[in-house]
Amino acid sequence: MDKTKAAPRRLLQSRRFWSSIISIITLVIAATRPELEEHLDVLAPTITTICLTLVGGYVIEDRELAKNAGPNENEGNHESNAV
């Protein structure tokens, strides 16, 4: 499969991507609503922390799955774990 065609599909299926997009949309909505303006100093860091925690958890999960998958499924991964 052509890598240029696979990249957008992988991006749209990425949980990290969608978590970030939903967090950005939520931050924009919270910033534009006048009734939430007084709570924005609490909402913005909370939404950001939740997003970063989700994305970090997904990264850890993906690394564990890749480590347990074995060398056959990681052929496209050129990152080495050498010390």
Protein backbone atom coordinates (compact mmCIF):
# COMPACT_ATOMS: atom_id res chain seq x y z
CA MET A 1 0.00 0.00 0.00
CA ASP A 2 1.23 3.49 -0.83
CA LYS A 3 2.35 5.30 2.33
CA THR A 4 0.96 8.64 1.14
CA LYS A 5 -2.54 7.17 0.95
CA ALA A 6 -2.24 5.25 4.22
CA ALA A 7 -1.13 8.24 6.33
CA PRO A 8 -4.43 10.19 6.22
CA ARG A 9 -6.38 7.02 6.98
CA ARG A 10 -4.15 6.24 9.96
CA LEU A 11 -4.53 9.81 11.20
CA LEU A 12 -8.32 9.67 11.05
CA GLN A 13 -8.30 6.38 12.95
CA SER A 14 -5.93 7.67 15.64
CA ARG A 15 -7.33 7.99 19.15
CA ARG A 16 -4.62 10.54 19.94
CA PHE A 17 -5.72 12.73 17.02
CA TRP A 18 -9.41 12.65 17.95
CA SER A 19 -8.69 13.28 21.64
CA SER A 20 -6.71 16.37 20.68
CA ILE A 21 -9.37 17.62 18.25
CA ILE A 22 -12.17 17.17 20.78
CA SER A 23 -10.12 18.95 23.44
CA ILE A 24 -9.42 21.89 21.12
CA ILE A 25 -13.10 22.15 20.19
CA THR A 26 -14.09 22.01 23.86
CA LEU A 27 -11.58 24.74 24.73
CA VAL A 28 -12.85 26.96 21.92
CA ILE A 29 -16.46 26.48 23.01
CA ALA A 30 -15.58 27.19 26.64
CA ALA A 31 -13.65 30.32 25.65
CA THR A 32 -16.44 31.72 23.48
CA ARG A 33 -19.35 31.16 25.87
CA PRO A 34 -19.91 34.27 28.01
CA GLU A 35 -21.45 32.29 30.88
CA LEU A 36 -18.28 30.16 31.15
CA GLU A 37 -15.88 33.10 31.05
CA GLU A 38 -15.53 33.32 34.81
CA HIS A 39 -14.70 29.59 35.03
CA LEU A 40 -12.22 29.55 32.14
CA ASP A 41 -9.24 29.76 34.49
CA VAL A 42 -10.28 26.34 35.86
CA LEU A 43 -11.72 24.79 32.70
CA ALA A 44 -8.75 25.37 30.38
CA PRO A 45 -6.12 23.60 32.52
CA THR A 46 -8.56 20.81 33.37
CA ILE A 47 -9.43 20.11 29.72
CA THR A 48 -5.74 20.27 28.76
CA THR A 49 -4.74 17.90 31.56
CA ILE A 50 -7.42 15.39 30.58
CA CYS A 51 -6.29 15.50 26.95
CA LEU A 52 -2.61 15.08 27.82
CA THR A 53 -3.39 12.20 30.17
CA LEU A 54 -5.42 10.43 27.48
CA VAL A 55 -2.78 10.93 24.79
CA GLY A 56 0.00 9.84 27.16
CA GLY A 57 -1.95 6.72 28.07
CA TYR A 58 -2.48 5.92 24.41
CA VAL A 59 1.25 6.30 23.74
CA ILE A 60 2.12 3.94 26.58
CA GLU A 61 -0.51 1.45 25.41
CA ASP A 62 0.74 1.58 21.80
CA ARG A 63 4.35 1.02 22.90
CA GLU A 64 3.36 -1.99 25.00
CA LEU A 65 1.33 -3.47 22.15
CA ALA A 66 4.22 -2.93 19.72
CA LYS A 67 6.69 -4.47 22.17
CA ASN A 68 4.48 -7.54 22.68
CA ALA A 69 3.65 -7.88 18.96
CA GLY A 70 7.08 -9.17 18.06
CA PRO A 71 9.45 -8.29 15.23
CA ASN A 72 7.18 -9.37 12.35
CA GLU A 73 4.54 -6.72 12.98
CA ASN A 74 7.10 -3.96 13.61
CA GLU A 75 8.90 -4.16 10.26
CA GLY A 76 7.90 -0.59 9.35
CA ASN A 77 9.19 0.74 12.66
CA HIS A 78 12.83 1.82 12.31
CA GLU A 79 13.19 2.96 15.90
CA SER A 80 15.72 0.89 17.76
CA ASN A 81 15.64 0.09 21.44
CA ALA A 82 19.41 -0.29 21.69
CA VAL A 83 21.10 1.18 24.75
